[in-house]
N, C-alpha and C. Protein backbone atom coordinates (compact mmCIF):
# COMPACT_ATOMS: atom_id res chain seq x y z
N UNK A 1 15.64 13.02 54.46
CA UNK A 1 14.60 13.25 55.44
C UNK A 1 13.49 12.25 55.42
N UNK A 2 13.12 11.76 56.63
CA UNK A 2 12.15 10.64 56.62
C UNK A 2 10.81 10.92 55.84
N UNK A 3 10.32 12.26 56.14
CA UNK A 3 9.15 12.64 55.48
C UNK A 3 9.15 12.65 53.98
N UNK A 4 10.35 13.01 53.39
CA UNK A 4 10.46 12.96 52.09
C UNK A 4 10.46 11.48 51.53
N UNK A 5 11.02 10.60 52.24
CA UNK A 5 11.07 9.33 51.96
C UNK A 5 9.76 8.55 51.87
N UNK A 6 8.76 9.03 52.74
CA UNK A 6 7.60 8.48 52.87
C UNK A 6 6.53 9.19 51.98
N UNK A 7 6.85 10.10 51.25
CA UNK A 7 5.85 10.77 50.54
C UNK A 7 5.43 9.86 49.39
N UNK A 8 6.03 9.13 48.81
CA UNK A 8 5.70 8.15 47.71
C UNK A 8 4.66 7.26 48.32
N UNK A 9 4.65 6.83 49.47
CA UNK A 9 3.64 5.98 50.11
C UNK A 9 2.69 6.67 50.86
N UNK A 10 2.45 7.87 50.77
CA UNK A 10 1.54 8.55 51.84
C UNK A 10 -0.03 8.38 51.26
N UNK A 11 -0.88 8.49 52.12
CA UNK A 11 -2.12 8.17 51.94
C UNK A 11 -3.01 9.64 52.05
N UNK A 12 -4.21 9.63 51.50
CA UNK A 12 -4.86 10.75 51.63
C UNK A 12 -6.01 10.62 52.68
N UNK A 13 -6.40 11.63 53.36
CA UNK A 13 -7.46 11.63 54.28
C UNK A 13 -8.44 12.84 54.00
N UNK A 14 -9.71 12.50 53.66
CA UNK A 14 -10.67 13.51 53.40
C UNK A 14 -10.93 14.47 54.39
N UNK A 15 -10.87 15.68 54.43
CA UNK A 15 -11.39 16.39 55.63
C UNK A 15 -12.50 17.40 55.37
N UNK A 16 -12.84 17.49 53.98
CA UNK A 16 -13.97 18.36 53.80
C UNK A 16 -13.47 19.75 53.36
N UNK A 17 -14.43 20.66 53.56
CA UNK A 17 -13.89 22.03 53.29
C UNK A 17 -13.68 22.97 54.46
N UNK A 18 -13.79 22.34 55.75
CA UNK A 18 -13.51 23.01 57.03
C UNK A 18 -12.16 22.60 57.63
N UNK A 19 -11.52 23.70 57.99
CA UNK A 19 -10.20 23.16 58.63
C UNK A 19 -10.45 22.54 59.95
N UNK A 20 -9.48 21.58 60.18
CA UNK A 20 -9.45 20.84 61.59
C UNK A 20 -8.20 20.94 62.22
N UNK A 21 -8.26 20.56 63.52
CA UNK A 21 -6.85 20.78 64.23
C UNK A 21 -6.05 19.53 64.05
N UNK A 22 -4.56 19.77 64.17
CA UNK A 22 -3.65 18.89 63.99
C UNK A 22 -3.92 17.66 64.84
N UNK A 23 -4.37 17.77 65.91
CA UNK A 23 -4.60 16.63 66.96
C UNK A 23 -5.69 15.68 66.31
N UNK A 24 -6.67 16.41 65.75
CA UNK A 24 -7.90 15.75 65.11
C UNK A 24 -7.35 14.85 63.82
N UNK A 25 -6.40 15.39 63.17
CA UNK A 25 -5.95 14.73 61.98
C UNK A 25 -5.16 13.41 62.40
N UNK A 26 -4.39 13.50 63.60
CA UNK A 26 -3.68 12.35 64.02
C UNK A 26 -4.78 11.30 64.42
N UNK A 27 -5.64 11.58 65.14
CA UNK A 27 -6.63 10.79 65.54
C UNK A 27 -7.43 10.17 64.24
N UNK A 28 -7.85 10.92 63.43
CA UNK A 28 -8.54 10.39 62.17
C UNK A 28 -7.62 9.46 61.43
N UNK A 29 -6.45 9.89 61.37
CA UNK A 29 -5.39 8.89 60.67
C UNK A 29 -5.29 7.51 61.43
N UNK A 30 -5.76 7.50 62.58
CA UNK A 30 -5.41 6.19 63.38
C UNK A 30 -4.00 6.11 63.87
N UNK A 31 -3.27 7.14 63.99
CA UNK A 31 -1.98 7.14 64.42
C UNK A 31 -1.85 7.35 65.89
N UNK A 32 -3.05 7.74 66.58
CA UNK A 32 -3.21 7.85 68.10
C UNK A 32 -4.46 7.37 68.42
N UNK A 33 -4.71 6.81 69.62
CA UNK A 33 -5.94 6.50 70.16
C UNK A 33 -6.82 7.73 70.74
N UNK A 34 -6.18 8.70 71.32
CA UNK A 34 -6.88 9.85 71.89
C UNK A 34 -5.94 11.05 71.79
N UNK A 35 -6.66 12.21 72.19
CA UNK A 35 -6.05 13.50 72.12
C UNK A 35 -4.69 13.64 72.94
N UNK A 36 -4.72 13.06 74.19
CA UNK A 36 -3.38 13.10 75.03
C UNK A 36 -2.26 12.55 74.21
N UNK A 37 -2.46 11.47 73.53
CA UNK A 37 -1.35 10.80 72.66
C UNK A 37 -1.02 11.75 71.64
N UNK A 38 -1.94 12.45 71.00
CA UNK A 38 -1.62 13.37 69.91
C UNK A 38 -0.82 14.54 70.56
N UNK A 39 -1.25 15.03 71.55
CA UNK A 39 -0.52 16.31 72.27
C UNK A 39 0.78 15.89 72.52
N UNK A 40 1.03 14.62 73.06
CA UNK A 40 2.46 14.32 73.46
C UNK A 40 3.28 14.17 72.29
N UNK A 41 2.90 13.65 71.16
CA UNK A 41 3.70 13.49 70.00
C UNK A 41 4.07 14.84 69.48
N UNK A 42 3.15 15.90 69.34
CA UNK A 42 3.47 17.17 68.91
C UNK A 42 4.37 17.80 69.86
N UNK A 43 4.14 17.69 71.09
CA UNK A 43 5.02 18.42 72.08
C UNK A 43 6.45 17.91 72.12
N UNK A 44 6.56 16.58 71.66
CA UNK A 44 8.05 16.00 71.76
C UNK A 44 8.69 16.30 70.35
N UNK A 45 7.96 16.98 69.38
CA UNK A 45 8.48 17.40 68.14
C UNK A 45 8.59 16.22 67.15
N UNK A 46 7.61 15.34 67.23
CA UNK A 46 7.65 14.06 66.35
C UNK A 46 6.65 14.22 65.14
N UNK A 47 6.04 15.38 65.01
CA UNK A 47 5.02 15.50 64.02
C UNK A 47 5.36 16.75 63.01
N UNK A 48 5.52 16.32 61.87
CA UNK A 48 5.93 17.38 60.68
C UNK A 48 4.76 17.64 59.98
N UNK A 49 4.50 18.99 59.67
CA UNK A 49 3.53 19.53 58.82
C UNK A 49 4.17 20.26 57.68
N UNK A 50 3.92 19.80 56.56
CA UNK A 50 4.56 20.40 55.25
C UNK A 50 6.12 20.28 55.42
N UNK A 51 6.72 19.22 55.94
CA UNK A 51 8.07 18.94 56.03
C UNK A 51 8.70 19.77 57.08
N UNK A 52 7.90 20.52 57.91
CA UNK A 52 8.67 21.24 59.21
C UNK A 52 7.97 20.60 60.52
N UNK A 53 8.78 20.62 61.54
CA UNK A 53 8.23 20.26 62.86
C UNK A 53 7.22 21.27 63.25
N UNK A 54 6.21 20.69 63.74
CA UNK A 54 4.97 21.44 64.14
C UNK A 54 4.81 21.32 65.73
N UNK A 55 4.71 22.26 66.54
CA UNK A 55 4.59 22.15 67.82
C UNK A 55 3.28 22.84 68.39
N UNK A 56 2.53 23.24 67.47
CA UNK A 56 1.03 23.84 67.85
C UNK A 56 0.13 22.70 67.75
N UNK A 57 -0.40 22.53 68.84
CA UNK A 57 -1.55 21.26 68.91
C UNK A 57 -2.71 21.56 68.27
N UNK A 58 -3.14 22.89 68.23
CA UNK A 58 -4.36 23.33 67.61
C UNK A 58 -4.22 23.90 66.25
N UNK A 59 -3.02 23.73 65.62
CA UNK A 59 -2.76 24.18 64.22
C UNK A 59 -3.97 23.83 63.26
N UNK A 60 -4.49 24.79 62.53
CA UNK A 60 -5.56 24.42 61.70
C UNK A 60 -5.02 23.93 60.46
N UNK A 61 -5.54 22.85 60.04
CA UNK A 61 -5.03 22.08 58.95
C UNK A 61 -6.09 22.18 57.88
N UNK A 62 -5.63 22.31 56.63
CA UNK A 62 -6.47 22.55 55.39
C UNK A 62 -6.16 21.37 54.29
N UNK A 63 -7.01 21.41 53.23
CA UNK A 63 -6.61 20.58 52.15
C UNK A 63 -5.39 20.93 51.68
N UNK A 64 -4.62 19.92 51.28
CA UNK A 64 -3.29 20.03 50.64
C UNK A 64 -2.08 20.03 51.67
N UNK A 65 -2.33 20.00 52.88
CA UNK A 65 -1.36 19.95 54.01
C UNK A 65 -0.82 18.60 54.02
N UNK A 66 0.39 18.46 54.24
CA UNK A 66 1.14 16.99 54.42
C UNK A 66 1.57 16.89 55.96
N UNK A 67 1.08 15.77 56.44
CA UNK A 67 1.32 15.45 57.81
C UNK A 67 2.09 14.23 57.95
N UNK A 68 3.27 14.20 58.71
CA UNK A 68 3.94 12.92 58.88
C UNK A 68 4.50 12.85 60.31
N UNK A 69 4.68 11.61 60.71
CA UNK A 69 5.41 11.37 62.04
C UNK A 69 6.83 11.09 61.66
N UNK A 70 7.71 11.79 62.47
CA UNK A 70 9.10 11.66 62.22
C UNK A 70 9.42 10.03 62.08
N UNK A 71 10.25 9.74 61.10
CA UNK A 71 10.55 8.34 60.79
C UNK A 71 9.32 7.43 60.74
N UNK A 72 8.27 8.01 60.31
CA UNK A 72 6.96 7.12 60.28
C UNK A 72 6.20 7.44 58.95
N UNK A 73 4.85 7.18 59.18
CA UNK A 73 3.93 7.41 58.02
C UNK A 73 3.61 8.78 57.68
N UNK A 74 3.07 9.20 56.42
CA UNK A 74 2.88 10.39 55.94
C UNK A 74 1.45 10.32 55.28
N UNK A 75 0.88 11.55 55.45
CA UNK A 75 -0.64 11.51 54.75
C UNK A 75 -0.70 12.93 54.27
N UNK A 76 -1.55 13.11 53.24
CA UNK A 76 -2.01 14.24 52.61
C UNK A 76 -3.52 14.58 52.79
N UNK A 77 -3.78 15.75 53.35
CA UNK A 77 -5.19 16.08 53.39
C UNK A 77 -5.88 16.35 52.23
N UNK A 78 -6.94 15.78 51.95
CA UNK A 78 -7.77 16.03 50.72
C UNK A 78 -9.09 16.57 51.02
């Protein structure tokens, strides 16, 4: 699976101790320019959270969650 392949090269993004939405993670990572792009990626099933397709745009993300773009980059929240 692509997410597993990219784990070795995953980066970490600091989010602090408060949960943030998945769309915010995609913007903070620089993978999208605005929320509309993030929502489109999520709706199209292109975003994986902890190695599973995630379709909830407002999913609360916490430290330790792994986010990846299908066949693309991966990051771990710290």
